[in-house]
Amino acid sequence: MLLVRGRRSQSAVARAVLERTRHPSTVSRRMGRERFRTRDMVRAEPKRQVTRELWRAKGREEVWFLLVDGVASKRGGRTKVENAIKYRRKGRGRKGRWTKARLFVQGLLITASGARIPPPRRSYCTREYVNRENRRLRLGRRRGKPLGFKTQQDPACLIVKELDLPDTTTLVVVADEYFEG
């Protein structure tokens, strides 16, 4: 996707792969450049794509869909992962296995023209992690602002607010029953 110019669709990616052969290290060289920043790819590119789609609409009333879901990145129960929820998976016998998971909220914006734009994912911080980091801040072991505990619904609301769509665009948010409310 980094090598495609213009509209980023599956056919454009296929054309870029078939028409222009590149050395495998091209992508890593581009990412290794001093002026390359991942936040440009993660935060600015979706905003650029939304602006492009709004310009194509030219003020017409359209209906866009935002799919929102929680994503768990699972690890073993004994790993040293911060900001993870530890839960027990029922299984063999009485013991079962412990599993840790870091939780994220991910969205996918689908425009009226069919373009799929992934807004930046948002992390969810557990209550224990927020308390521990704020304690470290008070003791001078960490810099920055104090963290505030938020429910898993708050990052989903933040994704919707950051889209900043005009009044001519109707946004339909589709989420599973966990995000009701």
C-alpha atoms as a PDB file:
ATOM      1  CA  MET A   1       0.000   0.000   0.000  1.00  0.00           C
ATOM      2  CA  LEU A   2       2.904   2.366   0.570  1.00  0.00           C
ATOM      3  CA  LEU A   3       4.010   2.022  -3.050  1.00  0.00           C
ATOM      4  CA  VAL A   4       0.614   2.712  -4.631  1.00  0.00           C
ATOM      5  CA  ARG A   5      -0.029   6.192  -5.936  1.00  0.00           C
ATOM      6  CA  GLY A   6      -3.520   7.576  -6.328  1.00  0.00           C
ATOM      7  CA  ARG A   7      -6.564   5.629  -5.210  1.00  0.00           C
ATOM      8  CA  ARG A   8      -5.702   2.769  -2.878  1.00  0.00           C
ATOM      9  CA  SER A   9      -7.877  -0.119  -3.967  1.00  0.00           C
ATOM     10  CA  GLN A  10      -7.203  -3.821  -4.408  1.00  0.00           C
ATOM     11  CA  SER A  11      -6.918  -3.423  -8.172  1.00  0.00           C
ATOM     12  CA  ALA A  12      -4.424  -0.549  -7.751  1.00  0.00           C
ATOM     13  CA  VAL A  13      -2.292  -2.685  -5.433  1.00  0.00           C
ATOM     14  CA  ALA A  14      -2.415  -5.584  -7.892  1.00  0.00           C
ATOM     15  CA  ARG A  15      -1.435  -3.267 -10.750  1.00  0.00           C
ATOM     16  CA  ALA A  16       1.476  -1.882  -8.720  1.00  0.00           C
ATOM     17  CA  VAL A  17       2.708  -5.391  -7.957  1.00  0.00           C
ATOM     18  CA  LEU A  18       2.352  -6.690 -11.520  1.00  0.00           C
ATOM     19  CA  GLU A  19       3.488  -3.637 -13.488  1.00  0.00           C
ATOM     20  CA  ARG A  20       6.362  -2.338 -11.408  1.00  0.00           C
ATOM     21  CA  THR A  21       8.713  -4.858  -9.970  1.00  0.00           C
ATOM     22  CA  ARG A  22      10.727  -3.477  -7.082  1.00  0.00           C
ATOM     23  CA  HIS A  23      13.485  -4.771  -4.971  1.00  0.00           C
ATOM     24  CA  PRO A  24      12.162  -6.316  -1.702  1.00  0.00           C
ATOM     25  CA  SER A  25      14.106  -3.821   0.396  1.00  0.00           C
ATOM     26  CA  THR A  26      12.319  -0.801  -1.141  1.00  0.00           C
ATOM     27  CA  VAL A  27       9.653  -0.667   1.557  1.00  0.00           C
ATOM     28  CA  SER A  28      12.157  -0.991   4.411  1.00  0.00           C
ATOM     29  CA  ARG A  29      14.346   1.704   2.844  1.00  0.00           C
ATOM     30  CA  ARG A  30      11.382   4.062   2.590  1.00  0.00           C
ATOM     31  CA  MET A  31      10.452   3.410   6.213  1.00  0.00           C
ATOM     32  CA  GLY A  32      14.067   3.875   7.289  1.00  0.00           C
ATOM     33  CA  ARG A  33      14.287   7.406   5.933  1.00  0.00           C
ATOM     34  CA  GLU A  34      14.779  10.110   8.486  1.00  0.00           C
ATOM     35  CA  ARG A  35      11.683  12.057   7.444  1.00  0.00           C
ATOM     36  CA  PHE A  36       9.383   9.013   7.528  1.00  0.00           C
ATOM     37  CA  ARG A  37       7.137   8.993  10.591  1.00  0.00           C
ATOM     38  CA  THR A  38       4.672   6.237  11.333  1.00  0.00           C
ATOM     39  CA  ARG A  39       2.156   8.722  12.714  1.00  0.00           C
ATOM     40  CA  ASP A  40       1.902  10.164   9.192  1.00  0.00           C
ATOM     41  CA  MET A  41       0.781   6.786   7.946  1.00  0.00           C
ATOM     42  CA  VAL A  42      -1.483   5.984  10.902  1.00  0.00           C
ATOM     43  CA  ARG A  43      -3.114   9.342  11.679  1.00  0.00           C
ATOM     44  CA  ALA A  44      -2.722  11.713   8.726  1.00  0.00           C
ATOM     45  CA  GLU A  45      -3.431   9.289   5.880  1.00  0.00           C
ATOM     46  CA  PRO A  46      -6.981   8.366   7.004  1.00  0.00           C
ATOM     47  CA  LYS A  47      -7.775  12.076   7.413  1.00  0.00           C
ATOM     48  CA  ARG A  48      -6.440  12.722   3.919  1.00  0.00           C
ATOM     49  CA  GLN A  49      -8.598   9.922   2.522  1.00  0.00           C
ATOM     50  CA  VAL A  50     -11.735  11.225   4.296  1.00  0.00           C
ATOM     51  CA  THR A  51     -11.065  14.713   2.903  1.00  0.00           C
ATOM     52  CA  ARG A  52     -10.658  13.252  -0.591  1.00  0.00           C
ATOM     53  CA  GLU A  53     -13.947  11.342  -0.314  1.00  0.00           C
ATOM     54  CA  LEU A  54     -15.777  14.441   0.969  1.00  0.00           C
ATOM     55  CA  TRP A  55     -14.415  16.422  -1.969  1.00  0.00           C
ATOM     56  CA  ARG A  56     -15.712  13.743  -4.357  1.00  0.00           C
ATOM     57  CA  ALA A  57     -19.169  13.987  -2.778  1.00  0.00           C
ATOM     58  CA  LYS A  58     -19.275  17.749  -3.542  1.00  0.00           C
ATOM     59  CA  GLY A  59     -21.850  18.528  -0.857  1.00  0.00           C
ATOM     60  CA  ARG A  60     -24.296  15.733  -1.758  1.00  0.00           C
ATOM     61  CA  GLU A  61     -26.031  13.968   1.090  1.00  0.00           C
ATOM     62  CA  GLU A  62     -24.447  10.563   1.609  1.00  0.00           C
ATOM     63  CA  VAL A  63     -24.619   7.733   4.099  1.00  0.00           C
ATOM     64  CA  TRP A  64     -21.324   6.383   5.447  1.00  0.00           C
ATOM     65  CA  PHE A  65     -20.883   3.367   7.737  1.00  0.00           C
ATOM     66  CA  LEU A  66     -18.423   2.983  10.594  1.00  0.00           C
ATOM     67  CA  LEU A  67     -17.806  -0.542  11.830  1.00  0.00           C
ATOM     68  CA  VAL A  68     -16.424  -0.639  15.383  1.00  0.00           C
ATOM     69  CA  ASP A  69     -15.141  -3.670  17.250  1.00  0.00           C
ATOM     70  CA  GLY A  70     -12.821  -4.555  20.090  1.00  0.00           C
ATOM     71  CA  VAL A  71      -9.649  -6.484  19.263  1.00  0.00           C
ATOM     72  CA  ALA A  72      -7.721  -8.602  21.759  1.00  0.00           C
ATOM     73  CA  SER A  73      -4.050  -9.376  21.196  1.00  0.00           C
ATOM     74  CA  LYS A  74      -3.566 -12.546  23.244  1.00  0.00           C
ATOM     75  CA  ARG A  75      -0.409 -13.749  24.972  1.00  0.00           C
ATOM     76  CA  GLY A  76       0.401 -16.541  27.358  1.00  0.00           C
ATOM     77  CA  GLY A  77      -0.596 -16.143  30.989  1.00  0.00           C
ATOM     78  CA  ARG A  78       2.953 -15.956  32.337  1.00  0.00           C
ATOM     79  CA  THR A  79       4.248 -13.290  29.944  1.00  0.00           C
ATOM     80  CA  LYS A  80       5.253  -9.913  31.336  1.00  0.00           C
ATOM     81  CA  VAL A  81       2.859  -7.729  29.360  1.00  0.00           C
ATOM     82  CA  GLU A  82       1.748  -4.416  30.798  1.00  0.00           C
ATOM     83  CA  ASN A  83      -1.783  -3.116  30.406  1.00  0.00           C
ATOM     84  CA  ALA A  84      -3.240  -6.564  29.813  1.00  0.00           C
ATOM     85  CA  ILE A  85      -6.366  -8.258  31.085  1.00  0.00           C
ATOM     86  CA  LYS A  86      -5.734 -11.662  32.625  1.00  0.00           C
ATOM     87  CA  TYR A  87      -8.488 -14.208  32.324  1.00  0.00           C
ATOM     88  CA  ARG A  88      -8.868 -17.931  32.633  1.00  0.00           C
ATOM     89  CA  ARG A  89      -9.801 -20.068  29.674  1.00  0.00           C
ATOM     90  CA  LYS A  90     -11.791 -23.112  30.634  1.00  0.00           C
ATOM     91  CA  GLY A  91     -10.289 -26.259  29.329  1.00  0.00           C
ATOM     92  CA  ARG A  92      -8.673 -29.536  30.198  1.00  0.00           C
ATOM     93  CA  GLY A  93      -9.601 -30.706  33.638  1.00  0.00           C
ATOM     94  CA  ARG A  94     -10.058 -28.388  36.572  1.00  0.00           C
ATOM     95  CA  LYS A  95      -6.948 -26.296  36.029  1.00  0.00           C
ATOM     96  CA  GLY A  96      -7.558 -24.478  32.747  1.00  0.00           C
ATOM     97  CA  ARG A  97      -5.084 -22.003  31.288  1.00  0.00           C
ATOM     98  CA  TRP A  98      -4.445 -18.366  32.058  1.00  0.00           C
ATOM     99  CA  THR A  99      -4.314 -15.947  29.170  1.00  0.00           C
ATOM    100  CA  LYS A 100      -3.437 -12.258  28.968  1.00  0.00           C
ATOM    101  CA  ALA A 101      -4.825  -9.959  26.325  1.00  0.00           C
ATOM    102  CA  ARG A 102      -4.223  -6.325  25.395  1.00  0.00           C
ATOM    103  CA  LEU A 103      -7.378  -4.664  24.168  1.00  0.00           C
ATOM    104  CA  PHE A 104      -7.762  -2.204  21.309  1.00  0.00           C
ATOM    105  CA  VAL A 105     -10.773  -0.649  19.636  1.00  0.00           C
ATOM    106  CA  GLN A 106     -10.580  -0.703  15.850  1.00  0.00           C
ATOM    107  CA  GLY A 107     -12.879   0.856  13.279  1.00  0.00           C
ATOM    108  CA  LEU A 108     -13.460   0.718   9.533  1.00  0.00           C
ATOM    109  CA  LEU A 109     -15.149   3.588   7.703  1.00  0.00           C
ATOM    110  CA  ILE A 110     -16.996   2.625   4.509  1.00  0.00           C
ATOM    111  CA  THR A 111     -17.955   5.558   2.291  1.00  0.00           C
ATOM    112  CA  ALA A 112     -20.835   5.788  -0.187  1.00  0.00           C
ATOM    113  CA  SER A 113     -18.403   5.197  -3.072  1.00  0.00           C
ATOM    114  CA  GLY A 114     -17.196   1.981  -1.421  1.00  0.00           C
ATOM    115  CA  ALA A 115     -13.828   3.259  -0.175  1.00  0.00           C
ATOM    116  CA  ARG A 116     -12.632   1.578   3.019  1.00  0.00           C
ATOM    117  CA  ILE A 117     -10.759   3.863   5.382  1.00  0.00           C
ATOM    118  CA  PRO A 118      -9.313   2.473   8.639  1.00  0.00           C
ATOM    119  CA  PRO A 119      -9.310   5.146  11.368  1.00  0.00           C
ATOM    120  CA  PRO A 120      -6.439   4.907  13.877  1.00  0.00           C
ATOM    121  CA  ARG A 121      -6.941   2.231  16.519  1.00  0.00           C
ATOM    122  CA  ARG A 122      -7.377   3.254  20.113  1.00  0.00           C
ATOM    123  CA  SER A 123      -5.958   1.495  23.145  1.00  0.00           C
ATOM    124  CA  TYR A 124      -7.877   0.617  26.262  1.00  0.00           C
ATOM    125  CA  CYS A 125      -6.043   0.940  29.592  1.00  0.00           C
ATOM    126  CA  THR A 126      -6.984  -1.316  32.481  1.00  0.00           C
ATOM    127  CA  ARG A 127      -7.734   0.210  35.881  1.00  0.00           C
ATOM    128  CA  GLU A 128      -4.687  -1.474  37.450  1.00  0.00           C
ATOM    129  CA  TYR A 129      -2.384  -0.104  34.721  1.00  0.00           C
ATOM    130  CA  VAL A 130      -3.739   3.449  35.160  1.00  0.00           C
ATOM    131  CA  ASN A 131      -3.282   3.287  38.959  1.00  0.00           C
ATOM    132  CA  ARG A 132       0.271   1.915  38.644  1.00  0.00           C
ATOM    133  CA  GLU A 133       1.345   4.528  36.059  1.00  0.00           C
ATOM    134  CA  ASN A 134      -0.145   7.402  38.072  1.00  0.00           C
ATOM    135  CA  ARG A 135       1.685   6.136  41.168  1.00  0.00           C
ATOM    136  CA  ARG A 136       4.948   6.076  39.164  1.00  0.00           C
ATOM    137  CA  LEU A 137       4.235   9.655  38.026  1.00  0.00           C
ATOM    138  CA  ARG A 138       3.730  10.842  41.622  1.00  0.00           C
ATOM    139  CA  LEU A 139       6.990   9.186  42.674  1.00  0.00           C
ATOM    140  CA  GLY A 140       8.876  10.840  39.809  1.00  0.00           C
ATOM    141  CA  ARG A 141       9.646   7.606  37.932  1.00  0.00           C
ATOM    142  CA  ARG A 142       7.605   8.611  34.887  1.00  0.00           C
ATOM    143  CA  ARG A 143       7.057  11.855  32.990  1.00  0.00           C
ATOM    144  CA  GLY A 144       3.916  13.123  31.333  1.00  0.00           C
ATOM    145  CA  LYS A 145       0.315  13.702  32.270  1.00  0.00           C
ATOM    146  CA  PRO A 146      -1.706  11.553  34.644  1.00  0.00           C
ATOM    147  CA  LEU A 147      -3.745   8.856  32.947  1.00  0.00           C
ATOM    148  CA  GLY A 148      -7.488   8.669  33.398  1.00  0.00           C
ATOM    149  CA  PHE A 149      -9.395   5.403  33.465  1.00  0.00           C
ATOM    150  CA  LYS A 150     -11.919   5.031  30.657  1.00  0.00           C
ATOM    151  CA  THR A 151     -14.303   2.258  29.801  1.00  0.00           C
ATOM    152  CA  GLN A 152     -13.923   0.311  26.558  1.00  0.00           C
ATOM    153  CA  GLN A 153     -16.737   2.368  25.017  1.00  0.00           C
ATOM    154  CA  ASP A 154     -14.793   5.640  25.378  1.00  0.00           C
ATOM    155  CA  PRO A 155     -12.168   4.840  22.689  1.00  0.00           C
ATOM    156  CA  ALA A 156     -15.006   3.948  20.296  1.00  0.00           C
ATOM    157  CA  CYS A 157     -16.633   7.333  20.971  1.00  0.00           C
ATOM    158  CA  LEU A 158     -13.274   9.011  20.362  1.00  0.00           C
ATOM    159  CA  ILE A 159     -12.993   7.334  16.948  1.00  0.00           C
ATOM    160  CA  VAL A 160     -16.430   8.692  15.992  1.00  0.00           C
ATOM    161  CA  LYS A 161     -15.622  12.219  17.230  1.00  0.00           C
ATOM    162  CA  GLU A 162     -12.303  12.377  15.372  1.00  0.00           C
ATOM    163  CA  LEU A 163     -13.954  11.726  12.005  1.00  0.00           C
ATOM    164  CA  ASP A 164     -15.352  15.285  12.040  1.00  0.00           C
ATOM    165  CA  LEU A 165     -17.814  14.768   9.183  1.00  0.00           C
ATOM    166  CA  PRO A 166     -19.994  17.584   7.766  1.00  0.00           C
ATOM    167  CA  ASP A 167     -23.763  17.733   8.283  1.00  0.00           C
ATOM    168  CA  THR A 168     -24.418  16.478   4.733  1.00  0.00           C
ATOM    169  CA  THR A 169     -22.896  13.108   5.614  1.00  0.00           C
ATOM    170  CA  THR A 170     -24.960  10.718   7.720  1.00  0.00           C
ATOM    171  CA  LEU A 171     -22.836   8.342   9.772  1.00  0.00           C
ATOM    172  CA  VAL A 172     -24.248   4.950  10.751  1.00  0.00           C
ATOM    173  CA  VAL A 173     -22.190   3.274  13.471  1.00  0.00           C
ATOM    174  CA  VAL A 174     -22.340  -0.511  13.431  1.00  0.00           C
ATOM    175  CA  ALA A 175     -20.976  -2.279  16.517  1.00  0.00           C
ATOM    176  CA  ASP A 176     -21.654  -5.451  18.445  1.00  0.00           C
ATOM    177  CA  GLU A 177     -23.864  -5.452  21.534  1.00  0.00           C
ATOM    178  CA  TYR A 178     -20.908  -4.759  23.845  1.00  0.00           C
ATOM    179  CA  PHE A 179     -20.810  -1.136  22.676  1.00  0.00           C
ATOM    180  CA  GLU A 180     -24.481  -0.377  23.352  1.00  0.00           C
ATOM    181  CA  GLY A 181     -25.199   2.860  25.101  1.00  0.00           C
END
